[in-house]
Amino acid sequence: MEYFDADNSNAREESLRMVSTAPMDNEPVSDEELRPHILDGFIGQPRLKAQLQLFLDAAKKREVPPDHILLAGPPGLGKTTLAMIVANELEVPIRVTSGPAIQHAGDLASILSSLDAGEVLFIDEIHRLPRAAEELLYIAMEDFRVDVMVGKGPGASSIPLTLPRFTVIGATTREGMLPSPLRARFGFTAHLDFYPIEELEKLITRSARVLGLELAQGSAIQMASRSRGTPRIANRLLRRVRDWALVHDLEIVEPQDVQDALALYQIDTEGLDRLDIAVLNAIVNNFQGGPVGLNNLAAMVGEEQETIETVCEPYLVREGFLMRTPRGRMATRKAWEHLGMQPPEDASNSDVSKLI
């Protein structure tokens, strides 16, 4: 359930949402329902869960709102889910906004001045806050007050407003872009890591139960191995397999059904999609394994440089298919073998020889 606060007319609508994670009566199962609502139901990140549980339990025993929380990690690992869980564990409302939605300091001041005692303010992509809003947030997080400017020019004056104690939860995929003063105001920083296959298998099994989909033994691990270590991708693949089962009238989804469904969407056994394979094919077949510059590679596959650099390369490098060198991108032995080809062994290609 979500609504917009009518008292905050100066704030952008998309930057001011009240969110309840509890399902409504007779509401059909939605993608949001795949998210757990308590910390015990959150699969994966065991060390982070233990730290966060202690952090929240101590705050509840002190009967004060906890310190501000920063959630950092790649997209799709559960930062938003954890923010919702924190609000549920504390039994307080959560206000949801994002860095790009706050275009002026006044937008943020309007949100902050409407917060109730103990409320959670979740700011997604917090590293994209405007500079003026960041400086306003510094004071609000530390001193729980905002200074509102009234008037313009020589007659302008500042009116300090005292805020009730609240908790900011910031989520970022680029922690390094956060200014040091802002990062220092978070009392607890949680770094989310990619998930191993066995944890993704548990997550897919749980999500399948929520969706009412029966998986045969081995089906969940087929999806987990293709999920690139990311729960969001795992749930997305599960929904596509659910579509396949629905269209083909399957009561139980067998491992072969998973393979057939994901083959239709061009997702191979390593989780590589059409664009990933196109990048590897271009390096191996057109540039003899590299090195090749990003500009030439983007032109060869017909994609923007930024798409290749931010979407494809992180996973290909992390899984050992690709290597970045000062001279350009190069395919590793694993990439050649994944494409069913033998890497060159001649000494003339010394760069490739070093990689393989």
Protein backbone atom coordinates (compact mmCIF):
# COMPACT_ATOMS: atom_id res chain seq x y z
CA MET A 1 0.00 0.00 0.00
CA GLU A 2 1.33 3.46 -0.82
CA TYR A 3 0.06 6.98 -0.69
CA PHE A 4 1.31 10.51 -1.06
CA ASP A 5 1.28 12.97 1.80
CA ALA A 6 -0.93 15.90 0.87
CA ASP A 7 0.90 18.16 3.32
CA ASN A 8 4.08 17.99 1.30
CA SER A 9 3.00 19.87 -1.78
CA ASN A 10 6.55 21.09 -2.48
CA ALA A 11 7.97 17.58 -2.79
CA ARG A 12 7.93 15.61 -6.01
CA GLU A 13 5.31 12.85 -5.90
CA GLU A 14 7.66 10.03 -6.85
CA SER A 15 10.02 11.08 -4.05
CA LEU A 16 7.47 10.75 -1.26
CA ARG A 17 5.89 7.36 -0.78
CA MET A 18 4.66 5.52 2.26
CA VAL A 19 5.08 1.81 1.77
CA SER A 20 3.58 -1.15 3.57
CA THR A 21 5.04 -4.57 2.81
CA ALA A 22 2.00 -6.42 4.18
CA PRO A 23 -0.26 -7.95 1.51
CA MET A 24 -3.80 -6.65 1.20
CA ASP A 25 -6.80 -8.93 1.56
CA ASN A 26 -7.51 -11.01 -1.56
CA GLU A 27 -4.52 -9.43 -3.31
CA PRO A 28 -3.00 -11.75 -5.94
CA VAL A 29 0.63 -12.78 -5.49
CA SER A 30 2.83 -10.09 -7.01
CA ASP A 31 6.53 -9.83 -7.61
CA GLU A 32 6.82 -7.77 -4.43
CA GLU A 33 5.53 -10.75 -2.45
CA LEU A 34 8.71 -12.64 -3.33
CA ARG A 35 10.46 -10.39 -0.82
CA PRO A 36 10.68 -11.68 2.76
CA HIS A 37 9.24 -9.41 5.45
CA ILE A 38 11.40 -10.44 8.44
CA LEU A 39 15.13 -10.88 8.84
CA ASP A 40 14.83 -14.63 9.56
CA GLY A 41 13.20 -15.08 6.16
CA PHE A 42 16.01 -13.30 4.31
CA ILE A 43 18.13 -15.91 2.52
CA GLY A 44 21.87 -15.41 2.20
CA GLN A 45 24.33 -12.85 3.62
CA PRO A 46 24.61 -14.73 6.97
CA ARG A 47 27.26 -12.47 8.53
CA LEU A 48 25.41 -9.32 7.54
CA LYS A 49 22.16 -10.73 8.94
CA ALA A 50 23.80 -11.50 12.27
CA GLN A 51 25.28 -8.00 12.47
CA LEU A 52 22.02 -6.34 11.52
CA GLN A 53 19.98 -8.46 13.95
CA LEU A 54 22.25 -7.46 16.84
CA PHE A 55 22.13 -3.82 15.72
CA LEU A 56 18.30 -3.77 15.64
CA ASP A 57 17.84 -5.77 18.86
CA ALA A 58 20.08 -3.35 20.75
CA ALA A 59 18.11 -0.37 19.43
CA LYS A 60 14.81 -1.97 20.47
CA LYS A 61 16.13 -2.68 23.97
CA ARG A 62 17.26 0.93 24.29
CA GLU A 63 13.83 1.98 22.97
CA VAL A 64 15.38 4.52 20.61
CA PRO A 65 15.56 4.58 16.80
CA PRO A 66 18.76 2.90 15.55
CA ASP A 67 21.66 4.74 13.97
CA HIS A 68 21.55 5.47 10.26
CA ILE A 69 22.25 2.50 7.96
CA LEU A 70 24.13 2.40 4.66
CA LEU A 71 23.55 -0.59 2.35
CA ALA A 72 26.19 -0.92 -0.36
CA GLY A 73 26.59 -3.49 -3.10
CA PRO A 74 25.86 -4.33 -6.74
CA PRO A 75 22.27 -4.11 -8.06
CA GLY A 76 19.82 -6.88 -7.28
CA LEU A 77 21.34 -8.25 -4.06
CA GLY A 78 18.56 -7.17 -1.69
CA LYS A 79 19.27 -3.63 -0.49
CA THR A 80 15.66 -2.47 -0.87
CA THR A 81 14.40 -5.71 0.68
CA LEU A 82 16.63 -5.21 3.71
CA ALA A 83 15.39 -1.63 4.12
CA MET A 84 11.79 -2.89 4.19
CA ILE A 85 12.76 -5.62 6.66
CA VAL A 86 14.38 -3.08 9.00
CA ALA A 87 11.15 -1.06 9.09
CA ASN A 88 9.13 -4.23 9.73
CA GLU A 89 11.47 -5.38 12.50
CA LEU A 90 11.22 -1.97 14.16
CA GLU A 91 7.44 -1.86 13.52
CA VAL A 92 7.61 1.66 12.11
CA PRO A 93 6.51 3.22 8.78
CA ILE A 94 9.03 3.61 5.98
CA ARG A 95 9.19 6.57 3.61
CA VAL A 96 10.73 5.72 0.23
CA THR A 97 12.53 8.09 -2.12
CA SER A 98 15.61 8.11 -4.34
CA GLY A 99 18.53 10.35 -5.09
CA PRO A 100 17.47 11.25 -8.65
CA ALA A 101 13.92 12.10 -7.51
CA ILE A 102 15.21 14.79 -5.13
CA GLN A 103 16.17 17.60 -7.47
CA HIS A 104 16.39 20.44 -4.95
CA ALA A 105 17.23 20.81 -1.28
CA GLY A 106 13.67 21.99 -0.72
CA ASP A 107 12.34 18.60 -1.84
CA LEU A 108 14.38 16.88 0.84
CA ALA A 109 13.52 19.50 3.48
CA SER A 110 9.82 18.93 2.83
CA ILE A 111 10.21 15.17 3.33
CA LEU A 112 12.34 15.51 6.46
CA SER A 113 9.99 17.99 8.10
CA SER A 114 7.08 15.56 7.69
CA LEU A 115 8.78 12.56 9.34
CA ASP A 116 7.37 11.21 12.58
CA ALA A 117 9.44 10.02 15.53
CA GLY A 118 11.17 6.71 14.81
CA GLU A 119 10.19 6.67 11.15
CA VAL A 120 12.56 5.20 8.54
CA LEU A 121 13.55 7.26 5.51
CA PHE A 122 14.90 5.04 2.71
CA ILE A 123 16.93 6.84 0.03
CA ASP A 124 17.80 4.61 -2.90
CA GLU A 125 20.78 5.56 -5.08
CA ILE A 126 21.82 7.98 -2.37
CA HIS A 127 25.08 8.76 -4.19
CA ARG A 128 23.02 10.66 -6.80
CA LEU A 129 21.67 13.27 -4.38
CA PRO A 130 22.32 16.88 -5.46
CA ARG A 131 25.10 18.63 -3.56
CA ALA A 132 22.73 21.06 -1.84
CA ALA A 133 20.51 18.19 -0.65
CA GLU A 134 23.56 16.31 0.66
CA GLU A 135 24.60 19.27 2.80
CA LEU A 136 21.07 19.54 4.16
CA LEU A 137 21.08 15.83 4.95
CA TYR A 138 24.37 16.12 6.88
CA ILE A 139 22.77 18.36 9.49
CA ALA A 140 19.50 16.42 9.59
CA MET A 141 21.25 13.10 10.20
CA GLU A 142 23.58 14.40 12.88
CA ASP A 143 21.68 17.16 14.67
CA PHE A 144 18.09 16.27 13.68
CA ARG A 145 17.25 19.73 12.41
CA VAL A 146 16.87 21.50 9.08
CA ASP A 147 17.42 25.13 8.27
CA VAL A 148 14.66 26.48 6.02
CA MET A 149 15.46 29.62 4.04
CA VAL A 150 12.65 32.14 3.92
CA GLY A 151 12.72 34.94 1.36
CA LYS A 152 15.39 35.85 -1.18
CA GLY A 153 18.21 38.31 -1.47
CA PRO A 154 19.42 40.52 1.42
CA GLY A 155 16.16 39.97 3.31
CA ALA A 156 16.43 36.17 3.35
CA SER A 157 16.53 34.51 6.73
CA SER A 158 17.09 30.99 8.02
CA ILE A 159 14.55 29.31 10.28
CA PRO A 160 15.80 26.20 12.12
CA LEU A 161 13.28 23.38 12.46
CA THR A 162 13.85 20.64 15.03
CA LEU A 163 13.15 17.14 13.75
CA PRO A 164 12.13 14.08 15.74
CA ARG A 165 14.72 11.32 15.86
CA PHE A 166 14.48 9.14 12.75
CA THR A 167 16.61 6.63 10.85
CA VAL A 168 17.99 7.13 7.36
CA ILE A 169 18.69 4.01 5.30
CA GLY A 170 20.77 4.79 2.24
CA ALA A 171 21.33 2.33 -0.59
CA THR A 172 24.09 2.72 -3.14
CA THR A 173 25.67 0.69 -5.90
CA ARG A 174 28.68 3.04 -5.90
CA GLU A 175 29.89 3.60 -2.38
CA GLY A 176 33.02 5.33 -3.64
CA MET A 177 30.91 8.16 -5.06
CA LEU A 178 29.53 9.06 -1.62
CA PRO A 179 31.21 12.12 -0.10
CA SER A 180 33.22 11.28 3.02
CA PRO A 181 31.14 13.56 5.30
CA LEU A 182 27.95 11.76 4.28
CA ARG A 183 29.46 8.29 4.58
CA ALA A 184 30.78 9.12 8.06
CA ARG A 185 27.28 9.88 9.35
CA PHE A 186 26.08 6.31 8.93
CA GLY A 187 26.44 4.30 12.12
CA PHE A 188 26.21 0.91 10.39
CA THR A 189 27.48 0.06 6.91
CA ALA A 190 26.45 -3.24 5.32
CA HIS A 191 28.26 -4.58 2.26
CA LEU A 192 26.25 -7.13 0.27
CA ASP A 193 28.15 -9.81 -1.65
CA PHE A 194 27.15 -11.98 -4.59
CA TYR A 195 25.34 -15.18 -3.62
CA PRO A 196 26.73 -18.71 -3.97
CA ILE A 197 24.68 -21.17 -5.99
CA GLU A 198 23.44 -23.10 -2.95
CA GLU A 199 21.89 -19.97 -1.41
CA LEU A 200 20.28 -19.01 -4.71
CA GLU A 201 18.84 -22.52 -4.90
CA LYS A 202 17.16 -21.98 -1.50
CA LEU A 203 15.89 -18.59 -2.61
CA ILE A 204 14.40 -20.00 -5.84
CA THR A 205 12.76 -22.85 -3.93
CA ARG A 206 11.16 -20.35 -1.53
CA SER A 207 10.01 -18.06 -4.35
CA ALA A 208 8.54 -21.03 -6.24
CA ARG A 209 6.41 -21.88 -3.19
CA VAL A 210 5.15 -18.29 -3.03
CA LEU A 211 4.27 -18.41 -6.74
CA GLY A 212 2.61 -21.80 -6.39
CA LEU A 213 5.09 -23.45 -8.78
CA GLU A 214 6.20 -27.03 -8.08
CA LEU A 215 9.82 -27.72 -8.98
CA ALA A 216 11.26 -31.20 -9.44
CA GLN A 217 14.60 -32.02 -7.83
CA GLY A 218 17.40 -30.33 -9.75
CA SER A 219 15.23 -27.64 -11.33
CA ALA A 220 16.11 -24.94 -8.80
CA ILE A 221 19.84 -25.49 -9.17
CA GLN A 222 19.51 -25.23 -12.95
CA MET A 223 18.16 -21.71 -12.48
CA ALA A 224 20.57 -20.86 -9.65
CA SER A 225 23.61 -21.67 -11.79
CA ARG A 226 22.38 -19.21 -14.42
CA SER A 227 21.51 -16.39 -12.00
CA ARG A 228 24.92 -14.63 -11.96
CA GLY A 229 24.98 -14.68 -8.16
CA THR A 230 22.07 -12.22 -8.00
CA PRO A 231 18.68 -12.85 -6.35
CA ARG A 232 16.89 -10.39 -8.64
CA ILE A 233 18.04 -12.34 -11.69
CA ALA A 234 17.14 -15.63 -9.99
CA ASN A 235 13.56 -14.46 -9.41
CA ARG A 236 13.34 -13.11 -12.94
CA LEU A 237 14.41 -16.47 -14.40
CA LEU A 238 11.92 -18.23 -12.14
CA ARG A 239 9.09 -16.07 -13.48
CA ARG A 240 10.08 -16.92 -17.06
CA VAL A 241 10.12 -20.62 -16.18
CA ARG A 242 6.70 -20.15 -14.59
CA ASP A 243 5.45 -18.70 -17.89
CA TRP A 244 6.85 -21.71 -19.73
CA ALA A 245 5.14 -24.12 -17.32
CA LEU A 246 1.83 -22.24 -17.62
CA VAL A 247 1.83 -22.23 -21.41
CA HIS A 248 2.85 -25.91 -21.62
CA ASP A 249 0.41 -27.02 -18.88
CA LEU A 250 3.13 -28.45 -16.65
CA GLU A 251 2.20 -29.50 -13.14
CA ILE A 252 5.81 -30.15 -12.13
CA VAL A 253 8.78 -28.36 -13.69
CA GLU A 254 11.59 -30.78 -14.52
CA PRO A 255 15.25 -29.74 -15.02
CA GLN A 256 14.88 -30.28 -18.78
CA ASP A 257 11.94 -27.87 -18.80
CA VAL A 258 14.14 -25.24 -17.16
CA GLN A 259 16.83 -25.77 -19.79
CA ASP A 260 14.33 -25.51 -22.63
CA ALA A 261 12.68 -22.40 -21.20
CA LEU A 262 15.94 -20.52 -20.61
CA ALA A 263 17.34 -21.63 -23.97
CA LEU A 264 14.40 -19.82 -25.55
CA TYR A 265 15.56 -16.64 -23.81
CA GLN A 266 19.17 -17.28 -24.93
CA ILE A 267 20.54 -17.80 -21.42
CA ASP A 268 23.22 -20.47 -21.35
CA THR A 269 24.53 -22.71 -18.57
CA GLU A 270 26.88 -20.02 -17.23
CA GLY A 271 24.19 -17.36 -17.14
CA LEU A 272 25.54 -15.58 -20.23
CA ASP A 273 22.90 -13.93 -22.40
CA ARG A 274 22.87 -12.90 -26.05
CA LEU A 275 24.95 -9.76 -25.52
CA ASP A 276 27.57 -11.53 -23.39
CA ILE A 277 28.05 -14.19 -26.06
CA ALA A 278 28.19 -11.53 -28.78
CA VAL A 279 30.98 -9.72 -26.92
CA LEU A 280 33.01 -12.91 -26.45
CA ASN A 281 32.43 -13.96 -30.07
CA ALA A 282 33.61 -10.58 -31.32
CA ILE A 283 36.82 -10.70 -29.27
CA VAL A 284 37.59 -14.32 -30.16
CA ASN A 285 36.52 -14.48 -33.81
CA ASN A 286 37.09 -10.94 -35.05
CA PHE A 287 40.05 -9.88 -32.94
CA GLN A 288 41.76 -13.25 -32.38
CA GLY A 289 41.24 -13.04 -28.63
CA GLY A 290 42.33 -9.43 -28.25
CA PRO A 291 43.45 -7.02 -27.08
CA VAL A 292 40.68 -4.84 -28.48
CA GLY A 293 39.60 -1.35 -27.50
CA LEU A 294 36.15 -0.69 -26.08
CA ASN A 295 35.23 1.57 -29.00
CA ASN A 296 35.96 -1.13 -31.62
CA LEU A 297 34.23 -3.79 -29.51
CA ALA A 298 31.08 -1.68 -29.15
CA ALA A 299 30.97 -1.01 -32.89
CA MET A 300 31.36 -4.71 -33.65
CA VAL A 301 28.44 -5.84 -31.46
CA GLY A 302 26.25 -2.81 -32.22
CA GLU A 303 25.90 -1.59 -28.63
CA GLU A 304 26.86 1.54 -26.74
CA GLN A 305 30.22 1.53 -24.98
CA GLU A 306 28.55 2.24 -21.64
CA THR A 307 26.27 -0.79 -22.04
CA ILE A 308 29.21 -3.13 -22.57
CA GLU A 309 31.27 -1.55 -19.79
CA THR A 310 28.54 -1.48 -17.13
CA VAL A 311 26.26 -4.40 -18.07
CA CYS A 312 28.46 -7.09 -19.62
CA GLU A 313 32.00 -6.63 -18.45
CA PRO A 314 31.59 -6.82 -14.64
CA TYR A 315 30.20 -10.36 -14.80
CA LEU A 316 32.51 -11.52 -17.60
CA VAL A 317 35.57 -10.25 -15.70
CA ARG A 318 34.36 -11.64 -12.36
CA GLU A 319 33.76 -15.10 -13.83
CA GLY A 320 37.10 -15.17 -15.69
CA PHE A 321 35.82 -14.91 -19.26
CA LEU A 322 37.38 -11.52 -19.93
CA MET A 323 40.40 -9.55 -18.80
CA ARG A 324 40.92 -5.81 -18.92
CA THR A 325 44.46 -4.82 -19.83
CA PRO A 326 46.08 -1.43 -20.56
CA ARG A 327 45.90 -2.31 -24.28
CA GLY A 328 42.25 -3.38 -24.26
CA ARG A 329 39.92 -6.30 -23.56
CA MET A 330 41.19 -9.86 -23.96
CA ALA A 331 39.46 -13.24 -23.89
CA THR A 332 40.76 -15.86 -21.45
CA ARG A 333 41.08 -19.59 -22.01
CA LYS A 334 37.72 -20.05 -20.27
CA ALA A 335 36.06 -17.83 -22.89
CA TRP A 336 37.56 -19.76 -25.81
CA GLU A 337 36.52 -23.08 -24.31
CA HIS A 338 33.02 -21.84 -23.48
CA LEU A 339 32.57 -20.99 -27.16
CA GLY A 340 33.77 -24.49 -28.09
CA MET A 341 37.07 -23.26 -29.57
CA GLN A 342 40.73 -23.92 -28.88
CA PRO A 343 42.80 -20.89 -27.87
CA PRO A 344 45.88 -20.15 -29.98
CA GLU A 345 49.11 -21.69 -28.72
CA ASP A 346 51.56 -19.95 -31.06
CA ALA A 347 54.20 -17.79 -29.45
CA SER A 348 53.41 -14.83 -31.69
CA ASN A 349 50.29 -14.13 -29.69
CA SER A 350 52.21 -13.65 -26.45
CA ASP A 351 49.46 -11.62 -24.74
CA VAL A 352 46.96 -14.44 -25.12
CA SER A 353 49.56 -16.99 -24.03
CA LYS A 354 50.02 -15.10 -20.77
CA LEU A 355 46.30 -15.18 -20.12
CA ILE A 356 45.82 -18.86 -20.88
